[in-house]
Amino acid sequence: MLVAAQQETELVTSYWLASPDGTALPTPLAGQYLPISVEVPGHGLLRRTYTLSAFEAGRYRLSIKRECLPDRPPGRVSNHIHDNWAVGDLISAGIPRGHFVLDGASSRPIVLLAGGIGITPLLAMLRELAEREARRNVVLVLAMRHQHDHPFQSEVADLACRMPNLTVHVRYSERLPGAVSGRAPDSHGLVDEALLRDFVPSPDVDVYLCGPGPFMNAMDQSLTALGVADERVRYESFGPATLERRSKQAQVTRSRENAVVSFVKAGITAPFDPRALNLLEFAEDLGLDPPFSCRSGRCGACTTRKVSGAVRYDNVPVAATAKDEVLLCCALPDGPVSLEL
């Protein structure tokens, strides 16, 4: 049930969810997301996943950005939530999921890189670190557009006071004339290799990266140039955004021999086209219309039964599947495969 709502910026609002009977909700791991189902007029029941930006007093906080980018259709679910959710509403939600969580066995310094609303899982991680490991060396680099698009300023400042070894650097990409409200940024421009060189203490760090595609790919390239190994970088993306370099590497190395895909219900069989990044794209290229939502392996909306054969995942998806199920949006054929689609 929705018990409180708080506007963080012009486009971001936080929604606090609690159990209707007052019992504590299941404890999530910092960085996990919550799958929800929303009935949107004209579109039916739509499923989305939103990161838990906080877990407090047995309640979840979802911090959701209204999607209204130029030249793109508005986000159906995010805008519906902003326009219609009210305190007292019952919300249909699953249990927290996801593997983008802190490595509890590591004592290495931590670097958190957030682009825009990508701050949400990293904020949950910061809150956990402040509670359990306040003296661990942590760097938080925030890339925001400007102060009116910068949520959680006070919350991060409070966490910095509680964590003596936390370093925070905020960089705005835009300068607003006459801006006086809120905390001033530490610098202006795009987060780049030169900035990271100042804040990544050594290649032997644990990096947690979250944000839109261009930001994630720029950070991936910069971290590689700084000598940070791929296995030290954990990342979470929104929608179809991913790390292009790693996807291209995986595409080059995956087996293409005998990769024939059969879509049983559609009655279509075709050799897999390696230009398609996954089975969802390949199905769409053939004119099929499978269900999907996040296109990044998080929500499970594209789950399809595998009739025979095998698939592989170059990046392990976070949504759980049964042995005879496939997540089309991140699966590739590993030889001949038949799908119930």
C-alpha atoms as a PDB file:
ATOM      1  CA  MET A   1       0.000   0.000   0.000  1.00  0.00           C
ATOM      2  CA  LEU A   2       1.203   3.519  -0.799  1.00  0.00           C
ATOM      3  CA  VAL A   3       1.626   5.321   2.524  1.00  0.00           C
ATOM      4  CA  ALA A   4       3.568   8.464   1.560  1.00  0.00           C
ATOM      5  CA  ALA A   5       4.846  10.382  -1.456  1.00  0.00           C
ATOM      6  CA  GLN A   6       7.580  12.986  -1.565  1.00  0.00           C
ATOM      7  CA  GLN A   7       8.661  15.075  -4.534  1.00  0.00           C
ATOM      8  CA  GLU A   8      12.455  15.037  -4.820  1.00  0.00           C
ATOM      9  CA  THR A   9      12.883  17.172  -7.958  1.00  0.00           C
ATOM     10  CA  GLU A  10      10.701  18.481 -10.764  1.00  0.00           C
ATOM     11  CA  LEU A  11      10.714  15.018 -12.356  1.00  0.00           C
ATOM     12  CA  VAL A  12      11.489  12.583  -9.504  1.00  0.00           C
ATOM     13  CA  THR A  13       9.035  11.543  -6.795  1.00  0.00           C
ATOM     14  CA  SER A  14       9.626   8.998  -4.033  1.00  0.00           C
ATOM     15  CA  TYR A  15       6.842   6.608  -3.048  1.00  0.00           C
ATOM     16  CA  TRP A  16       6.868   4.785   0.285  1.00  0.00           C
ATOM     17  CA  LEU A  17       5.193   1.371   0.251  1.00  0.00           C
ATOM     18  CA  ALA A  18       4.123  -0.583   3.334  1.00  0.00           C
ATOM     19  CA  SER A  19       2.265  -3.813   3.988  1.00  0.00           C
ATOM     20  CA  PRO A  20      -1.501  -3.187   4.332  1.00  0.00           C
ATOM     21  CA  ASP A  21      -1.584  -5.185   7.579  1.00  0.00           C
ATOM     22  CA  GLY A  22       1.341  -3.316   9.113  1.00  0.00           C
ATOM     23  CA  THR A  23       3.845  -6.183   9.054  1.00  0.00           C
ATOM     24  CA  ALA A  24       7.376  -5.511   7.828  1.00  0.00           C
ATOM     25  CA  LEU A  25       7.966  -6.101   4.138  1.00  0.00           C
ATOM     26  CA  PRO A  26      10.663  -8.648   3.137  1.00  0.00           C
ATOM     27  CA  THR A  27      14.143  -7.207   3.663  1.00  0.00           C
ATOM     28  CA  PRO A  28      15.856  -6.435   0.334  1.00  0.00           C
ATOM     29  CA  LEU A  29      19.564  -6.330  -0.428  1.00  0.00           C
ATOM     30  CA  ALA A  30      20.806  -2.821  -1.133  1.00  0.00           C
ATOM     31  CA  GLY A  31      20.693  -2.273  -4.892  1.00  0.00           C
ATOM     32  CA  GLN A  32      17.806  -4.618  -5.653  1.00  0.00           C
ATOM     33  CA  TYR A  33      14.670  -3.637  -7.534  1.00  0.00           C
ATOM     34  CA  LEU A  34      10.949  -4.230  -7.021  1.00  0.00           C
ATOM     35  CA  PRO A  35       8.749  -5.600  -9.830  1.00  0.00           C
ATOM     36  CA  ILE A  36       5.334  -3.935  -9.954  1.00  0.00           C
ATOM     37  CA  SER A  37       2.247  -4.317 -12.120  1.00  0.00           C
ATOM     38  CA  VAL A  38       0.209  -1.272 -13.120  1.00  0.00           C
ATOM     39  CA  GLU A  39      -3.108  -1.134 -14.961  1.00  0.00           C
ATOM     40  CA  VAL A  40      -2.740   1.685 -17.500  1.00  0.00           C
ATOM     41  CA  PRO A  41      -5.930   2.711 -19.331  1.00  0.00           C
ATOM     42  CA  GLY A  42      -5.669   1.890 -23.012  1.00  0.00           C
ATOM     43  CA  HIS A  43      -2.626  -0.341 -22.525  1.00  0.00           C
ATOM     44  CA  GLY A  44      -3.753  -2.989 -20.046  1.00  0.00           C
ATOM     45  CA  LEU A  45      -1.606  -4.456 -17.290  1.00  0.00           C
ATOM     46  CA  LEU A  46       2.000  -3.330 -17.685  1.00  0.00           C
ATOM     47  CA  ARG A  47       4.936  -4.625 -15.657  1.00  0.00           C
ATOM     48  CA  ARG A  48       7.950  -2.560 -14.702  1.00  0.00           C
ATOM     49  CA  THR A  49      10.830  -2.786 -12.259  1.00  0.00           C
ATOM     50  CA  TYR A  50      11.949   0.110 -10.073  1.00  0.00           C
ATOM     51  CA  THR A  51      14.991   0.227  -7.842  1.00  0.00           C
ATOM     52  CA  LEU A  52      14.494   0.396  -4.105  1.00  0.00           C
ATOM     53  CA  SER A  53      16.252   3.597  -3.087  1.00  0.00           C
ATOM     54  CA  ALA A  54      15.680   2.870   0.616  1.00  0.00           C
ATOM     55  CA  PHE A  55      14.348   0.289   3.057  1.00  0.00           C
ATOM     56  CA  GLU A  56      13.375   1.809   6.361  1.00  0.00           C
ATOM     57  CA  ALA A  57      11.096   0.740   9.224  1.00  0.00           C
ATOM     58  CA  GLY A  58       9.929  -2.234   7.171  1.00  0.00           C
ATOM     59  CA  ARG A  59       8.882  -0.020   4.240  1.00  0.00           C
ATOM     60  CA  TYR A  60      10.143   0.293   0.648  1.00  0.00           C
ATOM     61  CA  ARG A  61      10.947   3.548  -1.096  1.00  0.00           C
ATOM     62  CA  LEU A  62      10.658   3.685  -4.881  1.00  0.00           C
ATOM     63  CA  SER A  63      12.075   6.854  -6.435  1.00  0.00           C
ATOM     64  CA  ILE A  64      10.615   7.157  -9.921  1.00  0.00           C
ATOM     65  CA  LYS A  65      11.471   9.654 -12.623  1.00  0.00           C
ATOM     66  CA  ARG A  66       8.808  10.951 -14.966  1.00  0.00           C
ATOM     67  CA  GLU A  67       9.957  10.050 -18.487  1.00  0.00           C
ATOM     68  CA  CYS A  68       9.437  12.971 -20.865  1.00  0.00           C
ATOM     69  CA  LEU A  69      12.442  13.081 -23.176  1.00  0.00           C
ATOM     70  CA  PRO A  70      12.302  15.170 -26.381  1.00  0.00           C
ATOM     71  CA  ASP A  71      11.435  13.240 -29.541  1.00  0.00           C
ATOM     72  CA  ARG A  72      10.436  10.165 -27.527  1.00  0.00           C
ATOM     73  CA  PRO A  73       7.010   9.022 -26.333  1.00  0.00           C
ATOM     74  CA  PRO A  74       6.369   9.637 -22.623  1.00  0.00           C
ATOM     75  CA  GLY A  75       6.893   6.719 -20.281  1.00  0.00           C
ATOM     76  CA  ARG A  76       3.545   4.951 -20.047  1.00  0.00           C
ATOM     77  CA  VAL A  77       3.998   3.577 -16.542  1.00  0.00           C
ATOM     78  CA  SER A  78       6.183   6.262 -14.968  1.00  0.00           C
ATOM     79  CA  ASN A  79       3.863   9.042 -16.099  1.00  0.00           C
ATOM     80  CA  HIS A  80       0.782   7.107 -15.050  1.00  0.00           C
ATOM     81  CA  ILE A  81       2.294   6.642 -11.589  1.00  0.00           C
ATOM     82  CA  HIS A  82       3.127  10.338 -11.256  1.00  0.00           C
ATOM     83  CA  ASP A  83      -0.340  11.357 -12.395  1.00  0.00           C
ATOM     84  CA  ASN A  84      -2.448   8.795 -10.570  1.00  0.00           C
ATOM     85  CA  TRP A  85      -0.846   7.162  -7.544  1.00  0.00           C
ATOM     86  CA  ALA A  86      -2.287   8.498  -4.281  1.00  0.00           C
ATOM     87  CA  VAL A  87      -1.712   7.686  -0.616  1.00  0.00           C
ATOM     88  CA  GLY A  88      -3.901   4.745   0.355  1.00  0.00           C
ATOM     89  CA  ASP A  89      -3.734   3.025  -3.054  1.00  0.00           C
ATOM     90  CA  LEU A  90      -2.994  -0.692  -3.089  1.00  0.00           C
ATOM     91  CA  ILE A  91       0.055  -1.456  -5.241  1.00  0.00           C
ATOM     92  CA  SER A  92       0.609  -4.823  -6.944  1.00  0.00           C
ATOM     93  CA  ALA A  93       4.244  -5.751  -6.340  1.00  0.00           C
ATOM     94  CA  GLY A  94       6.484  -8.812  -6.238  1.00  0.00           C
ATOM     95  CA  ILE A  95       9.436  -9.446  -3.966  1.00  0.00           C
ATOM     96  CA  PRO A  96      12.786  -7.621  -4.262  1.00  0.00           C
ATOM     97  CA  ARG A  97      15.053  -9.099  -6.908  1.00  0.00           C
ATOM     98  CA  GLY A  98      18.370  -8.475  -8.620  1.00  0.00           C
ATOM     99  CA  HIS A  99      22.072  -9.239  -8.324  1.00  0.00           C
ATOM    100  CA  PHE A 100      23.360  -5.658  -8.462  1.00  0.00           C
ATOM    101  CA  VAL A 101      24.317  -5.696  -4.786  1.00  0.00           C
ATOM    102  CA  LEU A 102      27.365  -5.029  -2.653  1.00  0.00           C
ATOM    103  CA  ASP A 103      30.061  -7.695  -2.500  1.00  0.00           C
ATOM    104  CA  GLY A 104      29.895  -8.548   1.182  1.00  0.00           C
ATOM    105  CA  ALA A 105      33.164 -10.503   1.090  1.00  0.00           C
ATOM    106  CA  SER A 106      35.287  -7.636  -0.264  1.00  0.00           C
ATOM    107  CA  SER A 107      37.228  -5.067   1.750  1.00  0.00           C
ATOM    108  CA  ARG A 108      38.465  -3.134  -1.290  1.00  0.00           C
ATOM    109  CA  PRO A 109      37.721   0.591  -1.618  1.00  0.00           C
ATOM    110  CA  ILE A 110      34.385   1.278  -3.291  1.00  0.00           C
ATOM    111  CA  VAL A 111      33.717   3.674  -6.177  1.00  0.00           C
ATOM    112  CA  LEU A 112      30.063   4.492  -6.898  1.00  0.00           C
ATOM    113  CA  LEU A 113      29.376   6.111 -10.286  1.00  0.00           C
ATOM    114  CA  ALA A 114      25.864   7.432 -10.800  1.00  0.00           C
ATOM    115  CA  GLY A 115      24.312   9.132 -13.805  1.00  0.00           C
ATOM    116  CA  GLY A 116      21.017  10.914 -13.144  1.00  0.00           C
ATOM    117  CA  ILE A 117      18.331   8.659 -11.675  1.00  0.00           C
ATOM    118  CA  GLY A 118      21.010   5.935 -11.578  1.00  0.00           C
ATOM    119  CA  ILE A 119      21.699   7.261  -8.084  1.00  0.00           C
ATOM    120  CA  THR A 120      18.814   5.161  -6.690  1.00  0.00           C
ATOM    121  CA  PRO A 121      20.527   1.749  -6.210  1.00  0.00           C
ATOM    122  CA  LEU A 122      23.781   3.425  -5.200  1.00  0.00           C
ATOM    123  CA  LEU A 123      21.954   5.490  -2.598  1.00  0.00           C
ATOM    124  CA  ALA A 124      20.594   2.280  -1.095  1.00  0.00           C
ATOM    125  CA  MET A 125      24.159   0.920  -1.021  1.00  0.00           C
ATOM    126  CA  LEU A 126      25.406   4.094   0.665  1.00  0.00           C
ATOM    127  CA  ARG A 127      22.740   3.784   3.321  1.00  0.00           C
ATOM    128  CA  GLU A 128      23.807   0.204   4.026  1.00  0.00           C
ATOM    129  CA  LEU A 129      27.485   1.151   4.144  1.00  0.00           C
ATOM    130  CA  ALA A 130      26.726   3.981   6.557  1.00  0.00           C
ATOM    131  CA  GLU A 131      24.891   1.503   8.784  1.00  0.00           C
ATOM    132  CA  ARG A 132      27.449  -1.292   8.708  1.00  0.00           C
ATOM    133  CA  GLU A 133      30.798  -0.090   7.345  1.00  0.00           C
ATOM    134  CA  ALA A 134      30.900   3.656   7.927  1.00  0.00           C
ATOM    135  CA  ARG A 135      34.722   3.719   7.907  1.00  0.00           C
ATOM    136  CA  ARG A 136      35.255   1.859   4.638  1.00  0.00           C
ATOM    137  CA  ASN A 137      36.777   4.069   1.935  1.00  0.00           C
ATOM    138  CA  VAL A 138      34.020   5.047  -0.496  1.00  0.00           C
ATOM    139  CA  VAL A 139      33.940   7.507  -3.397  1.00  0.00           C
ATOM    140  CA  LEU A 140      30.660   8.705  -4.900  1.00  0.00           C
ATOM    141  CA  VAL A 141      30.779  10.520  -8.252  1.00  0.00           C
ATOM    142  CA  LEU A 142      27.440  11.979  -9.349  1.00  0.00           C
ATOM    143  CA  ALA A 143      26.685  13.154 -12.884  1.00  0.00           C
ATOM    144  CA  MET A 144      23.604  15.376 -12.965  1.00  0.00           C
ATOM    145  CA  ARG A 145      22.212  17.893 -15.464  1.00  0.00           C
ATOM    146  CA  HIS A 146      21.714  20.766 -13.032  1.00  0.00           C
ATOM    147  CA  GLN A 147      20.475  21.476  -9.509  1.00  0.00           C
ATOM    148  CA  HIS A 148      16.794  21.202 -10.444  1.00  0.00           C
ATOM    149  CA  ASP A 149      17.437  17.659 -11.696  1.00  0.00           C
ATOM    150  CA  HIS A 150      19.506  16.584  -8.682  1.00  0.00           C
ATOM    151  CA  PRO A 151      17.586  14.459  -6.145  1.00  0.00           C
ATOM    152  CA  PHE A 152      18.658  13.450  -2.640  1.00  0.00           C
ATOM    153  CA  GLN A 153      21.139  16.283  -2.085  1.00  0.00           C
ATOM    154  CA  SER A 154      20.375  16.563   1.637  1.00  0.00           C
ATOM    155  CA  GLU A 155      20.303  12.804   2.119  1.00  0.00           C
ATOM    156  CA  VAL A 156      23.747  12.326   0.573  1.00  0.00           C
ATOM    157  CA  ALA A 157      25.087  15.232   2.655  1.00  0.00           C
ATOM    158  CA  ASP A 158      23.752  13.577   5.821  1.00  0.00           C
ATOM    159  CA  LEU A 159      25.361  10.272   4.861  1.00  0.00           C
ATOM    160  CA  ALA A 160      28.672  12.044   4.245  1.00  0.00           C
ATOM    161  CA  CYS A 161      28.523  13.389   7.810  1.00  0.00           C
ATOM    162  CA  ARG A 162      28.059   9.849   9.121  1.00  0.00           C
ATOM    163  CA  MET A 163      30.795   8.347   6.924  1.00  0.00           C
ATOM    164  CA  PRO A 164      34.213   9.918   7.600  1.00  0.00           C
ATOM    165  CA  ASN A 165      35.802   8.083   4.672  1.00  0.00           C
ATOM    166  CA  LEU A 166      33.165   9.018   2.078  1.00  0.00           C
ATOM    167  CA  THR A 167      34.227  11.387  -0.699  1.00  0.00           C
ATOM    168  CA  VAL A 168      31.473  12.925  -2.835  1.00  0.00           C
ATOM    169  CA  HIS A 169      31.985  14.788  -6.108  1.00  0.00           C
ATOM    170  CA  VAL A 170      29.035  16.266  -8.003  1.00  0.00           C
ATOM    171  CA  ARG A 171      29.422  17.351 -11.631  1.00  0.00           C
ATOM    172  CA  TYR A 172      26.668  19.186 -13.511  1.00  0.00           C
ATOM    173  CA  SER A 173      26.599  19.021 -17.295  1.00  0.00           C
ATOM    174  CA  GLU A 174      24.594  22.264 -17.610  1.00  0.00           C
ATOM    175  CA  ARG A 175      24.999  25.732 -16.147  1.00  0.00           C
ATOM    176  CA  LEU A 176      21.756  27.472 -15.304  1.00  0.00           C
ATOM    177  CA  PRO A 177      21.893  31.275 -15.313  1.00  0.00           C
ATOM    178  CA  GLY A 178      21.307  32.803 -11.912  1.00  0.00           C
ATOM    179  CA  ALA A 179      21.169  29.436 -10.122  1.00  0.00           C
ATOM    180  CA  VAL A 180      21.438  30.017  -6.396  1.00  0.00           C
ATOM    181  CA  SER A 181      19.278  27.394  -4.674  1.00  0.00           C
ATOM    182  CA  GLY A 182      20.652  24.126  -3.358  1.00  0.00           C
ATOM    183  CA  ARG A 183      24.206  22.920  -3.036  1.00  0.00           C
ATOM    184  CA  ALA A 184      26.596  24.105  -5.732  1.00  0.00           C
ATOM    185  CA  PRO A 185      28.249  21.401  -7.860  1.00  0.00           C
ATOM    186  CA  ASP A 186      31.917  20.608  -7.399  1.00  0.00           C
ATOM    187  CA  SER A 187      32.524  20.996 -11.138  1.00  0.00           C
ATOM    188  CA  HIS A 188      30.810  21.396 -14.498  1.00  0.00           C
ATOM    189  CA  GLY A 189      31.042  19.261 -17.622  1.00  0.00           C
ATOM    190  CA  LEU A 190      30.759  15.556 -18.358  1.00  0.00           C
ATOM    191  CA  VAL A 191      32.272  12.960 -16.061  1.00  0.00           C
ATOM    192  CA  ASP A 192      35.356  11.803 -17.924  1.00  0.00           C
ATOM    193  CA  GLU A 193      38.606   9.884 -17.537  1.00  0.00           C
ATOM    194  CA  ALA A 194      40.439  12.916 -16.161  1.00  0.00           C
ATOM    195  CA  LEU A 195      37.921  13.287 -13.347  1.00  0.00           C
ATOM    196  CA  LEU A 196      37.930   9.585 -12.530  1.00  0.00           C
ATOM    197  CA  ARG A 197      41.723   9.622 -12.419  1.00  0.00           C
ATOM    198  CA  ASP A 198      41.435  12.050  -9.513  1.00  0.00           C
ATOM    199  CA  PHE A 199      38.949   9.924  -7.581  1.00  0.00           C
ATOM    200  CA  VAL A 200      39.637   6.254  -8.367  1.00  0.00           C
ATOM    201  CA  PRO A 201      42.378   5.494  -5.822  1.00  0.00           C
ATOM    202  CA  SER A 202      43.822   2.499  -7.721  1.00  0.00           C
ATOM    203  CA  PRO A 203      42.755  -0.188 -10.214  1.00  0.00           C
ATOM    204  CA  ASP A 204      42.121  -2.499  -7.243  1.00  0.00           C
ATOM    205  CA  VAL A 205      38.684  -1.160  -6.339  1.00  0.00           C
ATOM    206  CA  ASP A 206      35.083  -2.335  -6.479  1.00  0.00           C
ATOM    207  CA  VAL A 207      33.106  -0.150  -8.897  1.00  0.00           C
ATOM    208  CA  TYR A 208      29.322   0.048  -8.943  1.00  0.00           C
ATOM    209  CA  LEU A 209      27.999   1.812 -12.034  1.00  0.00           C
ATOM    210  CA  CYS A 210      24.450   2.853 -12.862  1.00  0.00           C
ATOM    211  CA  GLY A 211      22.899   5.340 -15.266  1.00  0.00           C
ATOM    212  CA  PRO A 212      21.781   5.888 -18.858  1.00  0.00           C
ATOM    213  CA  GLY A 213      23.555   4.201 -21.761  1.00  0.00           C
ATOM    214  CA  PRO A 214      25.896   7.013 -22.895  1.00  0.00           C
ATOM    215  CA  PHE A 215      27.067   7.613 -19.322  1.00  0.00           C
ATOM    216  CA  MET A 216      27.631   3.906 -18.683  1.00  0.00           C
ATOM    217  CA  ASN A 217      29.636   3.430 -21.856  1.00  0.00           C
ATOM    218  CA  ALA A 218      31.776   6.512 -21.205  1.00  0.00           C
ATOM    219  CA  MET A 219      32.519   5.243 -17.691  1.00  0.00           C
ATOM    220  CA  ASP A 220      33.303   1.752 -18.974  1.00  0.00           C
ATOM    221  CA  GLN A 221      35.874   3.143 -21.403  1.00  0.00           C
ATOM    222  CA  SER A 222      37.409   5.408 -18.780  1.00  0.00           C
ATOM    223  CA  LEU A 223      37.670   2.634 -16.205  1.00  0.00           C
ATOM    224  CA  THR A 224      39.343   0.381 -18.771  1.00  0.00           C
ATOM    225  CA  ALA A 225      41.858   3.136 -19.528  1.00  0.00           C
ATOM    226  CA  LEU A 226      42.557   3.407 -15.784  1.00  0.00           C
ATOM    227  CA  GLY A 227      43.322  -0.299 -15.589  1.00  0.00           C
ATOM    228  CA  VAL A 228      40.238  -1.380 -13.633  1.00  0.00           C
ATOM    229  CA  ALA A 229      39.513  -5.013 -14.561  1.00  0.00           C
ATOM    230  CA  ASP A 230      36.074  -5.885 -15.931  1.00  0.00           C
ATOM    231  CA  GLU A 231      35.400  -8.252 -13.033  1.00  0.00           C
ATOM    232  CA  ARG A 232      35.794  -5.336 -10.604  1.00  0.00           C
ATOM    233  CA  VAL A 233      32.951  -3.415 -12.289  1.00  0.00           C
ATOM    234  CA  ARG A 234      29.350  -4.217 -11.435  1.00  0.00           C
ATOM    235  CA  TYR A 235      26.698  -2.345 -13.325  1.00  0.00           C
ATOM    236  CA  GLU A 236      22.972  -1.819 -13.577  1.00  0.00           C
ATOM    237  CA  SER A 237      21.208  -0.184 -16.501  1.00  0.00           C
ATOM    238  CA  PHE A 238      17.764   1.198 -17.228  1.00  0.00           C
ATOM    239  CA  GLY A 239      15.759  -0.130 -20.159  1.00  0.00           C
ATOM    240  CA  PRO A 240      17.806  -1.361 -23.130  1.00  0.00           C
ATOM    241  CA  ALA A 241      20.968   0.513 -22.092  1.00  0.00           C
ATOM    242  CA  THR A 242      24.009  -1.713 -21.712  1.00  0.00           C
ATOM    243  CA  LEU A 243      27.780  -1.652 -22.006  1.00  0.00           C
ATOM    244  CA  GLU A 244      28.328  -1.715 -25.767  1.00  0.00           C
ATOM    245  CA  ARG A 245      31.971  -2.817 -25.600  1.00  0.00           C
ATOM    246  CA  ARG A 246      31.097  -5.938 -23.636  1.00  0.00           C
ATOM    247  CA  SER A 247      28.105  -6.728 -25.824  1.00  0.00           C
ATOM    248  CA  LYS A 248      30.269  -6.482 -28.941  1.00  0.00           C
ATOM    249  CA  GLN A 249      32.952  -8.683 -27.382  1.00  0.00           C
ATOM    250  CA  ALA A 250      30.332 -11.266 -26.486  1.00  0.00           C
ATOM    251  CA  GLN A 251      28.837 -11.093 -29.976  1.00  0.00           C
ATOM    252  CA  VAL A 252      32.237 -11.778 -31.553  1.00  0.00           C
ATOM    253  CA  THR A 253      33.057 -14.713 -29.296  1.00  0.00           C
ATOM    254  CA  ARG A 254      29.729 -16.550 -29.236  1.00  0.00           C
ATOM    255  CA  SER A 255      29.244 -19.649 -31.339  1.00  0.00           C
ATOM    256  CA  ARG A 256      27.332 -19.231 -34.573  1.00  0.00           C
ATOM    257  CA  GLU A 257      27.516 -22.811 -35.821  1.00  0.00           C
ATOM    258  CA  ASN A 258      24.183 -24.562 -36.360  1.00  0.00           C
ATOM    259  CA  ALA A 259      22.329 -21.704 -34.590  1.00  0.00           C
ATOM    260  CA  VAL A 260      18.921 -22.393 -36.117  1.00  0.00           C
ATOM    261  CA  VAL A 261      15.952 -21.019 -34.191  1.00  0.00           C
ATOM    262  CA  SER A 262      12.424 -22.427 -34.402  1.00  0.00           C
ATOM    263  CA  PHE A 263       9.420 -20.459 -33.160  1.00  0.00           C
ATOM    264  CA  VAL A 264       6.912 -23.261 -32.744  1.00  0.00           C
ATOM    265  CA  LYS A 265       3.557 -21.428 -32.514  1.00  0.00           C
ATOM    266  CA  ALA A 266       4.489 -19.034 -35.306  1.00  0.00           C
ATOM    267  CA  GLY A 267       5.699 -21.895 -37.492  1.00  0.00           C
ATOM    268  CA  ILE A 268       8.924 -20.066 -38.359  1.00  0.00           C
ATOM    269  CA  THR A 269      12.416 -21.603 -38.491  1.00  0.00           C
ATOM    270  CA  ALA A 270      15.441 -19.576 -39.521  1.00  0.00           C
ATOM    271  CA  PRO A 271      19.220 -19.439 -39.024  1.00  0.00           C
ATOM    272  CA  PHE A 272      20.044 -17.002 -36.267  1.00  0.00           C
ATOM    273  CA  ASP A 273      21.254 -13.656 -37.605  1.00  0.00           C
ATOM    274  CA  PRO A 274      24.375 -12.681 -35.586  1.00  0.00           C
ATOM    275  CA  ARG A 275      23.576  -8.991 -36.135  1.00  0.00           C
ATOM    276  CA  ALA A 276      20.706  -9.421 -33.650  1.00  0.00           C
ATOM    277  CA  LEU A 277      21.942  -8.864 -30.095  1.00  0.00           C
ATOM    278  CA  ASN A 278      19.516 -11.412 -28.617  1.00  0.00           C
ATOM    279  CA  LEU A 279      16.582 -13.691 -29.354  1.00  0.00           C
ATOM    280  CA  LEU A 280      14.054 -10.943 -28.683  1.00  0.00           C
ATOM    281  CA  GLU A 281      15.546  -8.762 -31.426  1.00  0.00           C
ATOM    282  CA  PHE A 282      15.751 -11.769 -33.758  1.00  0.00           C
ATOM    283  CA  ALA A 283      12.076 -12.607 -33.174  1.00  0.00           C
ATOM    284  CA  GLU A 284      11.105  -8.990 -33.861  1.00  0.00           C
ATOM    285  CA  ASP A 285      13.194  -9.001 -37.035  1.00  0.00           C
ATOM    286  CA  LEU A 286      11.110 -11.956 -38.218  1.00  0.00           C
ATOM    287  CA  GLY A 287       7.882 -10.033 -37.610  1.00  0.00           C
ATOM    288  CA  LEU A 288       6.941 -11.601 -34.258  1.00  0.00           C
ATOM    289  CA  ASP A 289       5.673  -9.523 -31.383  1.00  0.00           C
ATOM    290  CA  PRO A 290       6.785 -11.161 -28.099  1.00  0.00           C
ATOM    291  CA  PRO A 291       5.894  -9.444 -24.808  1.00  0.00           C
ATOM    292  CA  PHE A 292       8.675  -7.433 -23.193  1.00  0.00           C
ATOM    293  CA  SER A 293       9.233  -4.601 -20.756  1.00  0.00           C
ATOM    294  CA  CYS A 294      12.750  -3.761 -19.562  1.00  0.00           C
ATOM    295  CA  ARG A 295      14.744  -5.422 -22.408  1.00  0.00           C
ATOM    296  CA  SER A 296      17.634  -5.896 -19.970  1.00  0.00           C
ATOM    297  CA  GLY A 297      16.916  -9.179 -18.158  1.00  0.00           C
ATOM    298  CA  ARG A 298      15.448  -7.566 -15.076  1.00  0.00           C
ATOM    299  CA  CYS A 299      11.668  -7.962 -15.206  1.00  0.00           C
ATOM    300  CA  GLY A 300      11.022 -11.386 -16.757  1.00  0.00           C
ATOM    301  CA  ALA A 301       8.235 -10.125 -19.041  1.00  0.00           C
ATOM    302  CA  CYS A 302       9.781 -11.795 -22.111  1.00  0.00           C
ATOM    303  CA  THR A 303      10.112 -15.236 -20.471  1.00  0.00           C
ATOM    304  CA  THR A 304       9.344 -17.958 -23.042  1.00  0.00           C
ATOM    305  CA  ARG A 305       9.299 -21.747 -22.716  1.00  0.00           C
ATOM    306  CA  LYS A 306      12.163 -23.580 -24.395  1.00  0.00           C
ATOM    307  CA  VAL A 307      10.914 -26.692 -26.209  1.00  0.00           C
ATOM    308  CA  SER A 308      14.341 -28.063 -27.082  1.00  0.00           C
ATOM    309  CA  GLY A 309      17.951 -27.073 -27.566  1.00  0.00           C
ATOM    310  CA  ALA A 310      20.071 -24.713 -25.506  1.00  0.00           C
ATOM    311  CA  VAL A 311      20.675 -20.999 -25.060  1.00  0.00           C
ATOM    312  CA  ARG A 312      23.457 -18.989 -23.456  1.00  0.00           C
ATOM    313  CA  TYR A 313      23.643 -15.680 -21.627  1.00  0.00           C
ATOM    314  CA  ASP A 314      26.713 -13.529 -22.171  1.00  0.00           C
ATOM    315  CA  ASN A 315      25.540 -11.387 -19.240  1.00  0.00           C
ATOM    316  CA  VAL A 316      23.737 -13.209 -16.431  1.00  0.00           C
ATOM    317  CA  PRO A 317      20.145 -11.889 -16.217  1.00  0.00           C
ATOM    318  CA  VAL A 318      18.736 -10.859 -12.878  1.00  0.00           C
ATOM    319  CA  ALA A 319      15.199 -12.190 -13.424  1.00  0.00           C
ATOM    320  CA  ALA A 320      14.778 -15.797 -12.324  1.00  0.00           C
ATOM    321  CA  THR A 321      13.685 -18.462 -14.831  1.00  0.00           C
ATOM    322  CA  ALA A 322      12.872 -22.157 -14.685  1.00  0.00           C
ATOM    323  CA  LYS A 323      15.085 -24.729 -16.421  1.00  0.00           C
ATOM    324  CA  ASP A 324      12.792 -24.874 -19.441  1.00  0.00           C
ATOM    325  CA  GLU A 325      12.392 -21.095 -19.745  1.00  0.00           C
ATOM    326  CA  VAL A 326      14.344 -18.461 -21.665  1.00  0.00           C
ATOM    327  CA  LEU A 327      14.656 -14.705 -21.222  1.00  0.00           C
ATOM    328  CA  LEU A 328      14.496 -13.624 -24.855  1.00  0.00           C
ATOM    329  CA  CYS A 329      15.930 -10.145 -24.259  1.00  0.00           C
ATOM    330  CA  CYS A 330      19.368 -11.399 -23.229  1.00  0.00           C
ATOM    331  CA  ALA A 331      19.548 -14.993 -24.524  1.00  0.00           C
ATOM    332  CA  LEU A 332      21.461 -16.282 -27.542  1.00  0.00           C
ATOM    333  CA  PRO A 333      21.063 -19.662 -29.258  1.00  0.00           C
ATOM    334  CA  ASP A 334      23.738 -22.206 -28.373  1.00  0.00           C
ATOM    335  CA  GLY A 335      23.153 -24.419 -31.383  1.00  0.00           C
ATOM    336  CA  PRO A 336      19.661 -25.339 -32.611  1.00  0.00           C
ATOM    337  CA  VAL A 337      16.863 -24.207 -30.306  1.00  0.00           C
ATOM    338  CA  SER A 338      13.058 -24.353 -30.399  1.00  0.00           C
ATOM    339  CA  LEU A 339      10.927 -21.843 -28.535  1.00  0.00           C
ATOM    340  CA  GLU A 340       7.217 -21.915 -27.713  1.00  0.00           C
ATOM    341  CA  LEU A 341       6.428 -18.612 -29.388  1.00  0.00           C
END
